[in-house]
C-alpha atoms as a PDB file:
ATOM      1  CA  MET A   1     -20.264   2.451  -9.310  1.00  0.00           C
ATOM      2  CA  LYS A   2     -16.945   0.907 -10.342  1.00  0.00           C
ATOM      3  CA  GLY A   3     -13.589   0.682  -8.626  1.00  0.00           C
ATOM      4  CA  LEU A   4     -10.181   1.579 -10.021  1.00  0.00           C
ATOM      5  CA  ILE A   5      -6.842   0.669  -8.437  1.00  0.00           C
ATOM      6  CA  VAL A   6      -3.625   2.164  -9.817  1.00  0.00           C
ATOM      7  CA  CYS A   7      -0.654  -0.210  -9.548  1.00  0.00           C
ATOM      8  CA  ALA A   8       1.713   0.752 -12.380  1.00  0.00           C
ATOM      9  CA  GLY A   9       4.533   2.398 -10.377  1.00  0.00           C
ATOM     10  CA  LYS A  10       8.052   0.952 -10.274  1.00  0.00           C
ATOM     11  CA  GLY A  11       8.602   1.171  -6.507  1.00  0.00           C
ATOM     12  CA  THR A  12      12.203   2.330  -6.893  1.00  0.00           C
ATOM     13  CA  ARG A  13      12.392   3.593  -3.299  1.00  0.00           C
ATOM     14  CA  LEU A  14      11.656   0.078  -2.052  1.00  0.00           C
ATOM     15  CA  ARG A  15      14.458  -1.697  -3.864  1.00  0.00           C
ATOM     16  CA  PRO A  16      15.816  -4.345  -3.596  1.00  0.00           C
ATOM     17  CA  PHE A  17      12.479  -5.777  -2.427  1.00  0.00           C
ATOM     18  CA  THR A  18      10.649  -4.570  -5.559  1.00  0.00           C
ATOM     19  CA  LEU A  19      13.166  -6.154  -7.922  1.00  0.00           C
ATOM     20  CA  THR A  20      11.353  -9.490  -7.609  1.00  0.00           C
ATOM     21  CA  ARG A  21       7.742  -8.363  -7.047  1.00  0.00           C
ATOM     22  CA  PRO A  22       5.632  -5.245  -7.740  1.00  0.00           C
ATOM     23  CA  LYS A  23       5.313  -2.823  -4.841  1.00  0.00           C
ATOM     24  CA  THR A  24       1.590  -3.525  -4.564  1.00  0.00           C
ATOM     25  CA  LEU A  25       2.312  -7.198  -3.836  1.00  0.00           C
ATOM     26  CA  LEU A  26       4.600  -6.468  -0.893  1.00  0.00           C
ATOM     27  CA  PRO A  27       3.050  -8.018   2.232  1.00  0.00           C
ATOM     28  CA  VAL A  28       1.604  -6.103   5.151  1.00  0.00           C
ATOM     29  CA  ALA A  29       0.675  -8.447   8.006  1.00  0.00           C
ATOM     30  CA  ASN A  30       1.399 -11.240   5.473  1.00  0.00           C
ATOM     31  CA  LYS A  31      -1.189 -10.038   2.932  1.00  0.00           C
ATOM     32  CA  PRO A  32      -0.313  -8.185  -0.303  1.00  0.00           C
ATOM     33  CA  ILE A  33      -1.122  -4.474  -0.114  1.00  0.00           C
ATOM     34  CA  LEU A  34      -3.241  -4.757  -3.273  1.00  0.00           C
ATOM     35  CA  PHE A  35      -5.584  -7.254  -1.618  1.00  0.00           C
ATOM     36  CA  TYR A  36      -6.573  -4.734   1.054  1.00  0.00           C
ATOM     37  CA  ALA A  37      -7.710  -2.296  -1.671  1.00  0.00           C
ATOM     38  CA  ILE A  38      -9.720  -4.975  -3.495  1.00  0.00           C
ATOM     39  CA  GLU A  39     -11.388  -6.083  -0.261  1.00  0.00           C
ATOM     40  CA  LYS A  40     -12.154  -2.477   0.695  1.00  0.00           C
ATOM     41  CA  LEU A  41     -14.027  -1.936  -2.567  1.00  0.00           C
ATOM     42  CA  ALA A  42     -15.795  -5.292  -2.284  1.00  0.00           C
ATOM     43  CA  ASN A  43     -16.951  -4.420   1.238  1.00  0.00           C
ATOM     44  CA  GLU A  44     -18.793  -1.388  -0.199  1.00  0.00           C
ATOM     45  CA  GLY A  45     -20.581  -3.548  -2.756  1.00  0.00           C
ATOM     46  CA  ILE A  46     -18.328  -2.476  -5.647  1.00  0.00           C
ATOM     47  CA  HIS A  47     -17.827  -5.612  -7.692  1.00  0.00           C
ATOM     48  CA  GLU A  48     -16.472  -4.294 -11.000  1.00  0.00           C
ATOM     49  CA  ILE A  49     -12.865  -3.287 -10.426  1.00  0.00           C
ATOM     50  CA  GLY A  50     -10.213  -2.203 -12.906  1.00  0.00           C
ATOM     51  CA  ILE A  51      -6.524  -2.553 -12.007  1.00  0.00           C
ATOM     52  CA  VAL A  52      -4.067  -0.368 -13.918  1.00  0.00           C
ATOM     53  CA  ILE A  53      -0.703  -2.081 -14.286  1.00  0.00           C
ATOM     54  CA  HIS A  54       2.417  -1.867 -16.412  1.00  0.00           C
ATOM     55  CA  PRO A  55       2.527  -4.739 -18.942  1.00  0.00           C
ATOM     56  CA  SER A  56       5.655  -6.115 -17.237  1.00  0.00           C
ATOM     57  CA  GLN A  57       3.617  -6.639 -14.049  1.00  0.00           C
ATOM     58  CA  GLU A  58       0.851  -8.677 -15.613  1.00  0.00           C
ATOM     59  CA  GLU A  59       2.179 -12.143 -14.856  1.00  0.00           C
ATOM     60  CA  THR A  60       2.829 -11.440 -11.174  1.00  0.00           C
ATOM     61  CA  ILE A  61      -0.198  -9.271 -10.361  1.00  0.00           C
ATOM     62  CA  ARG A  62      -2.696 -11.296 -12.389  1.00  0.00           C
ATOM     63  CA  GLY A  63      -1.106 -14.445 -10.981  1.00  0.00           C
ATOM     64  CA  ALA A  64      -1.684 -13.200  -7.432  1.00  0.00           C
ATOM     65  CA  ALA A  65      -5.147 -11.625  -7.706  1.00  0.00           C
ATOM     66  CA  GLY A  66      -6.569 -13.660 -10.587  1.00  0.00           C
ATOM     67  CA  SER A  67      -9.955 -12.768 -12.023  1.00  0.00           C
ATOM     68  CA  GLY A  68     -11.245 -11.607  -8.644  1.00  0.00           C
ATOM     69  CA  GLU A  69     -13.333 -14.686  -7.853  1.00  0.00           C
ATOM     70  CA  ARG A  70     -11.614 -15.212  -4.504  1.00  0.00           C
ATOM     71  CA  PHE A  71     -12.730 -11.689  -3.480  1.00  0.00           C
ATOM     72  CA  GLY A  72     -16.241 -11.947  -4.884  1.00  0.00           C
ATOM     73  CA  VAL A  73     -15.511  -9.343  -7.579  1.00  0.00           C
ATOM     74  CA  SER A  74     -14.661  -9.139 -11.273  1.00  0.00           C
ATOM     75  CA  LEU A  75     -11.162  -7.799 -11.978  1.00  0.00           C
ATOM     76  CA  THR A  76     -10.236  -6.227 -15.320  1.00  0.00           C
ATOM     77  CA  TYR A  77      -6.578  -5.488 -16.039  1.00  0.00           C
ATOM     78  CA  LEU A  78      -5.761  -2.225 -17.815  1.00  0.00           C
ATOM     79  CA  TYR A  79      -2.370  -1.049 -19.033  1.00  0.00           C
ATOM     80  CA  GLN A  80      -0.256   2.057 -18.558  1.00  0.00           C
ATOM     81  CA  GLN A  81       2.631   1.634 -20.974  1.00  0.00           C
ATOM     82  CA  VAL A  82       4.844   4.347 -19.430  1.00  0.00           C
ATOM     83  CA  PRO A  83       4.489   5.513 -15.790  1.00  0.00           C
ATOM     84  CA  ARG A  84       3.575   9.182 -16.305  1.00  0.00           C
ATOM     85  CA  GLY A  85       1.616   9.884 -13.152  1.00  0.00           C
ATOM     86  CA  ILE A  86      -1.681   9.005 -11.513  1.00  0.00           C
ATOM     87  CA  ALA A  87      -3.821  11.006 -13.957  1.00  0.00           C
ATOM     88  CA  ASP A  88      -2.213   9.194 -16.882  1.00  0.00           C
ATOM     89  CA  ALA A  89      -2.987   5.849 -15.215  1.00  0.00           C
ATOM     90  CA  VAL A  90      -6.614   6.923 -14.715  1.00  0.00           C
ATOM     91  CA  ALA A  91      -6.796   7.979 -18.389  1.00  0.00           C
ATOM     92  CA  ALA A  92      -5.948   4.386 -19.347  1.00  0.00           C
ATOM     93  CA  ALA A  93      -9.229   3.329 -17.706  1.00  0.00           C
ATOM     94  CA  GLU A  94     -11.573   5.768 -19.479  1.00  0.00           C
ATOM     95  CA  ASP A  95     -13.171   3.183 -21.766  1.00  0.00           C
ATOM     96  CA  TYR A  96     -13.532   0.759 -18.863  1.00  0.00           C
ATOM     97  CA  ILE A  97     -15.198   3.307 -16.559  1.00  0.00           C
ATOM     98  CA  GLY A  98     -17.489   4.691 -19.268  1.00  0.00           C
ATOM     99  CA  GLN A  99     -20.157   6.905 -17.682  1.00  0.00           C
ATOM    100  CA  SER A 100     -19.988   5.259 -14.250  1.00  0.00           C
ATOM    101  CA  ASP A 101     -19.131   6.955 -11.000  1.00  0.00           C
ATOM    102  CA  PHE A 102     -15.982   5.387  -9.610  1.00  0.00           C
ATOM    103  CA  ILE A 103     -13.722   5.099  -6.589  1.00  0.00           C
ATOM    104  CA  LEU A 104     -10.004   5.540  -7.250  1.00  0.00           C
ATOM    105  CA  LEU A 105      -7.526   3.906  -4.876  1.00  0.00           C
ATOM    106  CA  LEU A 106      -3.739   3.889  -5.059  1.00  0.00           C
ATOM    107  CA  GLY A 107      -2.499   0.322  -4.907  1.00  0.00           C
ATOM    108  CA  ASP A 108       0.348   1.134  -2.510  1.00  0.00           C
ATOM    109  CA  ASN A 109      -1.848   2.926   0.054  1.00  0.00           C
ATOM    110  CA  LEU A 110      -3.506   1.444   3.126  1.00  0.00           C
ATOM    111  CA  ILE A 111      -6.514   3.350   4.469  1.00  0.00           C
ATOM    112  CA  LYS A 112      -8.712   2.398   7.403  1.00  0.00           C
ATOM    113  CA  GLU A 113     -11.441   5.009   6.727  1.00  0.00           C
ATOM    114  CA  PRO A 114     -14.586   3.432   5.175  1.00  0.00           C
ATOM    115  CA  LEU A 115     -15.158   4.395   1.540  1.00  0.00           C
ATOM    116  CA  LYS A 116     -18.803   5.147   2.330  1.00  0.00           C
ATOM    117  CA  THR A 117     -17.567   8.494   3.653  1.00  0.00           C
ATOM    118  CA  LEU A 118     -16.648   9.474   0.085  1.00  0.00           C
ATOM    119  CA  ILE A 119     -19.472   7.705  -1.717  1.00  0.00           C
ATOM    120  CA  ASP A 120     -22.192   9.526   0.225  1.00  0.00           C
ATOM    121  CA  GLN A 121     -20.765  12.957  -0.638  1.00  0.00           C
ATOM    122  CA  LEU A 122     -20.451  12.148  -4.348  1.00  0.00           C
ATOM    123  CA  LYS A 123     -24.247  12.379  -4.641  1.00  0.00           C
ATOM    124  CA  HIS A 124     -23.950  16.177  -4.446  1.00  0.00           C
ATOM    125  CA  SER A 125     -20.434  16.744  -5.844  1.00  0.00           C
ATOM    126  CA  ALA A 126     -18.330  16.129  -8.933  1.00  0.00           C
ATOM    127  CA  ALA A 127     -15.664  14.548  -6.742  1.00  0.00           C
ATOM    128  CA  CYS A 128     -14.831  13.825  -3.123  1.00  0.00           C
ATOM    129  CA  ILE A 129     -11.307  13.423  -1.769  1.00  0.00           C
ATOM    130  CA  LEU A 130     -10.032  11.908   1.463  1.00  0.00           C
ATOM    131  CA  LEU A 131      -7.659  14.164   3.432  1.00  0.00           C
ATOM    132  CA  THR A 132      -5.613  13.776   6.583  1.00  0.00           C
ATOM    133  CA  HIS A 133      -3.532  16.070   8.778  1.00  0.00           C
ATOM    134  CA  VAL A 134       0.233  15.589   8.268  1.00  0.00           C
ATOM    135  CA  GLU A 135       3.372  17.090   9.766  1.00  0.00           C
ATOM    136  CA  ASN A 136       5.223  17.300   6.427  1.00  0.00           C
ATOM    137  CA  PRO A 137       2.730  18.596   3.826  1.00  0.00           C
ATOM    138  CA  GLN A 138       5.558  19.466   1.422  1.00  0.00           C
ATOM    139  CA  GLN A 139       5.743  15.765   0.565  1.00  0.00           C
ATOM    140  CA  PHE A 140       2.080  15.435  -0.461  1.00  0.00           C
ATOM    141  CA  GLY A 141      -0.686  16.872  -2.545  1.00  0.00           C
ATOM    142  CA  VAL A 142      -2.141  19.563  -0.260  1.00  0.00           C
ATOM    143  CA  ALA A 143      -5.722  20.863  -0.115  1.00  0.00           C
ATOM    144  CA  GLU A 144      -6.965  24.331   0.753  1.00  0.00           C
ATOM    145  CA  ILE A 145     -10.527  24.143   2.028  1.00  0.00           C
ATOM    146  CA  ASN A 146     -13.429  26.523   2.562  1.00  0.00           C
ATOM    147  CA  GLU A 147     -16.260  25.140   4.671  1.00  0.00           C
ATOM    148  CA  THR A 148     -17.600  22.055   2.841  1.00  0.00           C
ATOM    149  CA  ARG A 149     -15.509  22.144  -0.314  1.00  0.00           C
ATOM    150  CA  ILE A 150     -11.946  22.190  -1.588  1.00  0.00           C
ATOM    151  CA  ILE A 151     -10.988  25.485  -3.235  1.00  0.00           C
ATOM    152  CA  ALA A 152      -7.414  24.661  -4.287  1.00  0.00           C
ATOM    153  CA  LEU A 153      -4.995  21.751  -4.595  1.00  0.00           C
ATOM    154  CA  GLU A 154      -1.232  21.825  -5.022  1.00  0.00           C
ATOM    155  CA  GLU A 155       1.166  18.939  -5.536  1.00  0.00           C
ATOM    156  CA  LYS A 156       4.155  18.888  -3.134  1.00  0.00           C
ATOM    157  CA  PRO A 157       4.191  22.662  -2.553  1.00  0.00           C
ATOM    158  CA  LYS A 158       7.256  24.453  -1.157  1.00  0.00           C
ATOM    159  CA  PHE A 159       4.955  26.697   0.878  1.00  0.00           C
ATOM    160  CA  PRO A 160       1.813  24.671   1.700  1.00  0.00           C
ATOM    161  CA  LYS A 161      -1.365  26.573   2.557  1.00  0.00           C
ATOM    162  CA  SER A 162      -2.535  23.877   4.953  1.00  0.00           C
ATOM    163  CA  ASN A 163      -1.409  20.606   6.503  1.00  0.00           C
ATOM    164  CA  LEU A 164      -4.259  18.663   4.885  1.00  0.00           C
ATOM    165  CA  ALA A 165      -2.753  16.038   2.606  1.00  0.00           C
ATOM    166  CA  VAL A 166      -4.517  14.051  -0.100  1.00  0.00           C
ATOM    167  CA  VAL A 167      -4.474  10.483   1.179  1.00  0.00           C
ATOM    168  CA  GLY A 168      -4.949   8.469  -2.019  1.00  0.00           C
ATOM    169  CA  SER A 169      -8.660   7.657  -1.923  1.00  0.00           C
ATOM    170  CA  TYR A 170     -10.979   9.499  -4.313  1.00  0.00           C
ATOM    171  CA  ALA A 171     -14.568   9.358  -5.580  1.00  0.00           C
ATOM    172  CA  PHE A 172     -15.269  10.767  -9.058  1.00  0.00           C
ATOM    173  CA  LYS A 173     -18.056  11.198 -11.505  1.00  0.00           C
ATOM    174  CA  ALA A 174     -17.052  10.229 -15.036  1.00  0.00           C
ATOM    175  CA  GLY A 175     -16.724  13.893 -16.030  1.00  0.00           C
ATOM    176  CA  ILE A 176     -13.217  13.932 -14.531  1.00  0.00           C
ATOM    177  CA  PHE A 177     -11.936  12.407 -17.779  1.00  0.00           C
ATOM    178  CA  ASP A 178     -12.719  15.649 -19.640  1.00  0.00           C
ATOM    179  CA  TYR A 179     -10.256  17.440 -17.383  1.00  0.00           C
ATOM    180  CA  ILE A 180      -7.637  14.691 -17.526  1.00  0.00           C
ATOM    181  CA  ARG A 181      -7.582  14.842 -21.326  1.00  0.00           C
ATOM    182  CA  ALA A 182      -6.794  18.579 -21.125  1.00  0.00           C
ATOM    183  CA  LEU A 183      -3.769  18.150 -18.835  1.00  0.00           C
ATOM    184  CA  THR A 184      -0.199  19.020 -19.703  1.00  0.00           C
ATOM    185  CA  VAL A 185       2.862  17.468 -18.089  1.00  0.00           C
ATOM    186  CA  SER A 186       3.869  19.000 -14.763  1.00  0.00           C
ATOM    187  CA  ASP A 187       7.357  20.113 -13.706  1.00  0.00           C
ATOM    188  CA  ARG A 188       7.783  16.602 -12.298  1.00  0.00           C
ATOM    189  CA  GLY A 189       7.239  15.147 -15.771  1.00  0.00           C
ATOM    190  CA  GLU A 190       3.867  13.632 -14.845  1.00  0.00           C
ATOM    191  CA  LEU A 191       0.164  14.136 -15.442  1.00  0.00           C
ATOM    192  CA  GLU A 192      -1.008  15.055 -11.950  1.00  0.00           C
ATOM    193  CA  ILE A 193      -4.415  14.002 -10.662  1.00  0.00           C
ATOM    194  CA  THR A 194      -4.310  17.083  -8.419  1.00  0.00           C
ATOM    195  CA  ASP A 195      -4.079  19.275 -11.559  1.00  0.00           C
ATOM    196  CA  ALA A 196      -7.141  17.568 -13.023  1.00  0.00           C
ATOM    197  CA  ILE A 197      -9.088  18.153  -9.809  1.00  0.00           C
ATOM    198  CA  GLN A 198      -7.943  21.791  -9.752  1.00  0.00           C
ATOM    199  CA  ARG A 199      -9.326  22.257 -13.262  1.00  0.00           C
ATOM    200  CA  LEU A 200     -12.578  20.749 -12.007  1.00  0.00           C
ATOM    201  CA  ILE A 201     -12.641  23.298  -9.178  1.00  0.00           C
ATOM    202  CA  ASP A 202     -11.758  26.200 -11.505  1.00  0.00           C
ATOM    203  CA  SER A 203     -14.668  25.278 -13.768  1.00  0.00           C
ATOM    204  CA  GLY A 204     -17.082  25.847 -10.872  1.00  0.00           C
ATOM    205  CA  GLU A 205     -17.701  22.194 -10.010  1.00  0.00           C
ATOM    206  CA  ARG A 206     -18.057  21.260  -6.351  1.00  0.00           C
ATOM    207  CA  VAL A 207     -15.263  19.102  -4.966  1.00  0.00           C
ATOM    208  CA  ALA A 208     -16.082  17.808  -1.487  1.00  0.00           C
ATOM    209  CA  TYR A 209     -13.761  16.287   1.066  1.00  0.00           C
ATOM    210  CA  ALA A 210     -13.648  14.119   4.150  1.00  0.00           C
ATOM    211  CA  ILE A 211     -10.935  14.293   6.804  1.00  0.00           C
ATOM    212  CA  THR A 212      -9.843  11.013   8.307  1.00  0.00           C
ATOM    213  CA  ARG A 213      -8.219  10.591  11.679  1.00  0.00           C
ATOM    214  CA  GLU A 214      -7.883   6.861  11.180  1.00  0.00           C
ATOM    215  CA  HIS A 215      -4.679   5.103  10.190  1.00  0.00           C
ATOM    216  CA  CYS A 216      -3.504   5.587   6.611  1.00  0.00           C
ATOM    217  CA  SER A 217      -0.142   4.808   5.025  1.00  0.00           C
ATOM    218  CA  ASP A 218       1.571   5.417   1.718  1.00  0.00           C
ATOM    219  CA  VAL A 219       3.818   2.352   1.590  1.00  0.00           C
ATOM    220  CA  GLY A 220       6.488   4.094  -0.464  1.00  0.00           C
ATOM    221  CA  THR A 221       9.595   3.579   1.679  1.00  0.00           C
ATOM    222  CA  SER A 222      10.933   0.881   3.976  1.00  0.00           C
ATOM    223  CA  GLU A 223      10.136   3.006   7.030  1.00  0.00           C
ATOM    224  CA  ARG A 224       6.521   3.502   5.928  1.00  0.00           C
ATOM    225  CA  TRP A 225       6.214  -0.184   5.099  1.00  0.00           C
ATOM    226  CA  LEU A 226       7.306  -1.175   8.599  1.00  0.00           C
ATOM    227  CA  ALA A 227       4.990   1.416  10.171  1.00  0.00           C
ATOM    228  CA  ALA A 228       2.048   0.139   8.101  1.00  0.00           C
ATOM    229  CA  ASN A 229       2.861  -3.429   9.112  1.00  0.00           C
ATOM    230  CA  ASN A 230       2.738  -2.441  12.778  1.00  0.00           C
ATOM    231  CA  TRP A 231      -0.630  -0.650  12.739  1.00  0.00           C
ATOM    232  CA  MET A 232      -2.239  -3.240  10.500  1.00  0.00           C
ATOM    233  CA  MET A 233      -1.151  -6.027  12.851  1.00  0.00           C
ATOM    234  CA  ASP A 234      -2.677  -4.045  15.716  1.00  0.00           C
ATOM    235  CA  GLU A 235      -5.923  -3.691  13.744  1.00  0.00           C
ATOM    236  CA  LEU A 236      -6.133  -7.342  12.746  1.00  0.00           C
ATOM    237  CA  TYR A 237      -4.652  -9.166  15.744  1.00  0.00           C
ATOM    238  CA  GLY A 238      -4.216  -6.849  18.723  1.00  0.00           C
ATOM    239  CA  GLU A 239      -2.835  -9.007  21.528  1.00  0.00           C
ATOM    240  CA  GLN A 240      -3.274 -12.216  19.524  1.00  0.00           C
ATOM    241  CA  ASN A 241      -0.954 -14.176  17.228  1.00  0.00           C
ATOM    242  CA  ASP A 242      -1.641 -15.904  13.924  1.00  0.00           C
ATOM    243  CA  ILE A 243       0.728 -18.842  13.512  1.00  0.00           C
ATOM    244  CA  SER A 244       0.258 -21.351  10.704  1.00  0.00           C
ATOM    245  CA  TRP A 245      -0.352 -24.925  11.783  1.00  0.00           C
ATOM    246  CA  GLU A 246       2.208 -25.868   9.109  1.00  0.00           C
ATOM    247  CA  SER A 247       4.990 -24.157  11.069  1.00  0.00           C
ATOM    248  CA  THR A 248       6.907 -25.465  14.089  1.00  0.00           C
ATOM    249  CA  LEU A 249       8.033 -23.498  17.142  1.00  0.00           C
ATOM    250  CA  VAL A 250      10.280 -25.224  19.692  1.00  0.00           C
ATOM    251  CA  ASN A 251      11.195 -23.563  23.003  1.00  0.00           C
ATOM    252  CA  CYS A 252      10.235 -20.099  21.744  1.00  0.00           C
ATOM    253  CA  THR A 253       8.859 -17.014  23.484  1.00  0.00           C
ATOM    254  CA  VAL A 254       6.315 -15.099  21.409  1.00  0.00           C
ATOM    255  CA  HIS A 255       5.247 -11.504  22.131  1.00  0.00           C
ATOM    256  CA  ALA A 256       2.060 -10.558  20.269  1.00  0.00           C
ATOM    257  CA  PRO A 257       1.240  -9.548  17.691  1.00  0.00           C
ATOM    258  CA  VAL A 258       3.117 -12.043  15.537  1.00  0.00           C
ATOM    259  CA  VAL A 259       2.051 -13.524  12.192  1.00  0.00           C
ATOM    260  CA  ILE A 260       3.859 -16.594  10.863  1.00  0.00           C
ATOM    261  CA  GLY A 261       3.095 -18.238   7.532  1.00  0.00           C
ATOM    262  CA  PRO A 262       3.516 -21.913   6.560  1.00  0.00           C
ATOM    263  CA  GLY A 263       6.656 -24.009   6.425  1.00  0.00           C
ATOM    264  CA  CYS A 264       8.636 -22.175   9.116  1.00  0.00           C
ATOM    265  CA  VAL A 265      10.817 -23.713  11.823  1.00  0.00           C
ATOM    266  CA  PHE A 266      11.761 -21.654  14.899  1.00  0.00           C
ATOM    267  CA  LYS A 267      13.979 -23.024  17.687  1.00  0.00           C
ATOM    268  CA  ASN A 268      15.034 -21.278  20.893  1.00  0.00           C
ATOM    269  CA  CYS A 269      13.891 -17.859  19.677  1.00  0.00           C
ATOM    270  CA  THR A 270      12.275 -14.754  21.121  1.00  0.00           C
ATOM    271  CA  ILE A 271       9.827 -13.452  18.529  1.00  0.00           C
ATOM    272  CA  GLY A 272       7.909 -10.182  18.542  1.00  0.00           C
ATOM    273  CA  PRO A 273       6.257  -7.913  19.036  1.00  0.00           C
ATOM    274  CA  TYR A 274       5.278  -6.833  15.505  1.00  0.00           C
ATOM    275  CA  VAL A 275       6.908  -9.579  13.470  1.00  0.00           C
ATOM    276  CA  SER A 276       5.372 -10.945  10.267  1.00  0.00           C
ATOM    277  CA  VAL A 277       6.964 -13.923   8.523  1.00  0.00           C
ATOM    278  CA  MET A 278       5.769 -15.066   5.105  1.00  0.00           C
ATOM    279  CA  SER A 279       6.898 -18.684   4.658  1.00  0.00           C
ATOM    280  CA  GLY A 280       9.823 -21.077   4.788  1.00  0.00           C
ATOM    281  CA  ALA A 281      11.790 -19.244   7.483  1.00  0.00           C
ATOM    282  CA  ASN A 282      14.388 -21.090   9.553  1.00  0.00           C
ATOM    283  CA  LEU A 283      15.256 -19.247  12.772  1.00  0.00           C
ATOM    284  CA  GLU A 284      17.384 -20.582  15.615  1.00  0.00           C
ATOM    285  CA  GLU A 285      18.933 -19.005  18.714  1.00  0.00           C
ATOM    286  CA  CYS A 286      17.868 -15.447  17.898  1.00  0.00           C
ATOM    287  CA  ARG A 287      15.734 -12.508  19.017  1.00  0.00           C
ATOM    288  CA  ILE A 288      13.652 -10.593  16.475  1.00  0.00           C
ATOM    289  CA  GLU A 289      11.094  -7.786  16.759  1.00  0.00           C
ATOM    290  CA  HIS A 290       9.442  -5.058  14.623  1.00  0.00           C
ATOM    291  CA  SER A 291      10.311  -6.911  11.429  1.00  0.00           C
ATOM    292  CA  ILE A 292       9.021  -8.162   8.091  1.00  0.00           C
ATOM    293  CA  LEU A 293      10.495 -11.417   6.794  1.00  0.00           C
ATOM    294  CA  LEU A 294       9.804 -12.406   3.215  1.00  0.00           C
ATOM    295  CA  ARG A 295      10.265 -15.966   1.943  1.00  0.00           C
ATOM    296  CA  ASP A 296      12.870 -18.484   3.111  1.00  0.00           C
ATOM    297  CA  VAL A 297      14.782 -16.284   5.550  1.00  0.00           C
ATOM    298  CA  THR A 298      17.489 -17.815   7.759  1.00  0.00           C
ATOM    299  CA  ILE A 299      18.652 -16.365  11.087  1.00  0.00           C
ATOM    300  CA  SER A 300      20.903 -18.402  13.342  1.00  0.00           C
ATOM    301  CA  GLY A 301      23.124 -17.971  16.368  1.00  0.00           C
ATOM    302  CA  THR A 302      22.664 -14.237  16.974  1.00  0.00           C
ATOM    303  CA  GLY A 303      21.651 -14.804  20.602  1.00  0.00           C
ATOM    304  CA  GLU A 304      20.244 -11.795  22.447  1.00  0.00           C
ATOM    305  CA  ALA A 305      21.240  -9.294  19.753  1.00  0.00           C
ATOM    306  CA  VAL A 306      17.965  -7.715  18.577  1.00  0.00           C
ATOM    307  CA  ILE A 307      17.227  -8.166  14.875  1.00  0.00           C
ATOM    308  CA  ALA A 308      14.774  -5.581  13.523  1.00  0.00           C
ATOM    309  CA  GLY A 309      13.950  -4.512   9.971  1.00  0.00           C
ATOM    310  CA  ILE A 310      13.029  -6.044   6.613  1.00  0.00           C
ATOM    311  CA  LEU A 311      14.660  -9.216   5.316  1.00  0.00           C
ATOM    312  CA  GLY A 312      14.115 -10.125   1.675  1.00  0.00           C
ATOM    313  CA  ASP A 313      13.682 -13.500   0.025  1.00  0.00           C
ATOM    314  CA  GLU A 314      16.398 -15.974   1.069  1.00  0.00           C
ATOM    315  CA  ALA A 315      18.155 -13.414   3.267  1.00  0.00           C
ATOM    316  CA  SER A 316      20.406 -14.807   5.972  1.00  0.00           C
ATOM    317  CA  ILE A 317      21.974 -13.606   9.200  1.00  0.00           C
ATOM    318  CA  ILE A 318      24.440 -15.989  10.787  1.00  0.00           C
ATOM    319  CA  GLY A 319      25.974 -15.203  14.175  1.00  0.00           C
ATOM    320  CA  SER A 320      28.719 -16.709  16.276  1.00  0.00           C
ATOM    321  CA  SER A 321      28.459 -18.796  19.413  1.00  0.00           C
ATOM    322  CA  ALA A 322      31.304 -16.717  20.865  1.00  0.00           C
ATOM    323  CA  ASN A 323      29.429 -13.485  20.217  1.00  0.00           C
ATOM    324  CA  GLY A 324      31.859 -12.686  17.442  1.00  0.00           C
ATOM    325  CA  PRO A 325      31.065 -11.095  14.066  1.00  0.00           C
ATOM    326  CA  ILE A 326      27.617 -11.579  12.493  1.00  0.00           C
ATOM    327  CA  ALA A 327      27.489 -12.549   8.809  1.00  0.00           C
ATOM    328  CA  LEU A 328      24.705 -10.571   7.144  1.00  0.00           C
ATOM    329  CA  LYS A 329      22.979 -11.164   3.816  1.00  0.00           C
ATOM    330  CA  ILE A 330      19.889  -8.996   3.303  1.00  0.00           C
ATOM    331  CA  GLY A 331      17.664  -9.625   0.311  1.00  0.00           C
ATOM    332  CA  GLY A 332      19.081 -12.934  -0.885  1.00  0.00           C
ATOM    333  CA  ASP A 333      19.685 -12.856  -4.645  1.00  0.00           C
ATOM    334  CA  GLN A 334      18.247  -9.314  -4.777  1.00  0.00           C
ATOM    335  CA  GLY A 335      21.435  -7.712  -3.475  1.00  0.00           C
END
């Protein structure tokens, strides 16, 4: 079995943060989202992994993940020239996958459910899809089920037939490529993986499913990114903190969980809960919680005013000792 991770999207809803890095390299609990997907495949013994990227992303994504040696896997980079949907990205991997069964993961999704749940069902099915109950099924691919199989799929329906959303974790036999090649562009201008699976169903093939009640996140907006950061920090650290020995905290109060990378200096601050800081931050006389700080952030003199949110590379927030106006620069050179 091989693994396939799709990473070719532009991440427009996460600008300005995606102007300087691909969405799949945004950090959650100080680790790039992509790394969680690679590690998840590696943990199931899947060591041959293809990563579908846009050519413009090669330098940054290959620079971050390398050849896969650090994960104990072999990474092969594949190219989607124009972002035309998930099925189009999968089509770019047909020669790489060959006749192998494979697991497909979306590079901007975080899923706690073990992949073994899908792998076991693939022995008796043409595909197996992970589903979860959602409150807003109109925003997802939605499955209609009958006992042990899926009988219909619809992408972002106006009138959904269930609240079971496709999470972004799939197991396929290689025959799925026959159905992808037959696809036409949807009303959204994309080749939909849900349409390919529907053709599989219509042909009489069995498409199984598993329903997860574990955490899963599509990190497609700032709100979802922050939510994913919170639950992942709970999973990894609970009531503990992870503070780099290369950072300095002076007269600070820390409420777990907090993750702080190297080269940071904090003075007279209240930090946390749910704060992750990448590197090079300089914080003084401030209070911050429920936040993601990218590289080289500066916050100074904001006192007891609560800072919460996402601060991009080189962002700065400068307060006033007289509790006057706060000067705000979010995202540094990004905007």
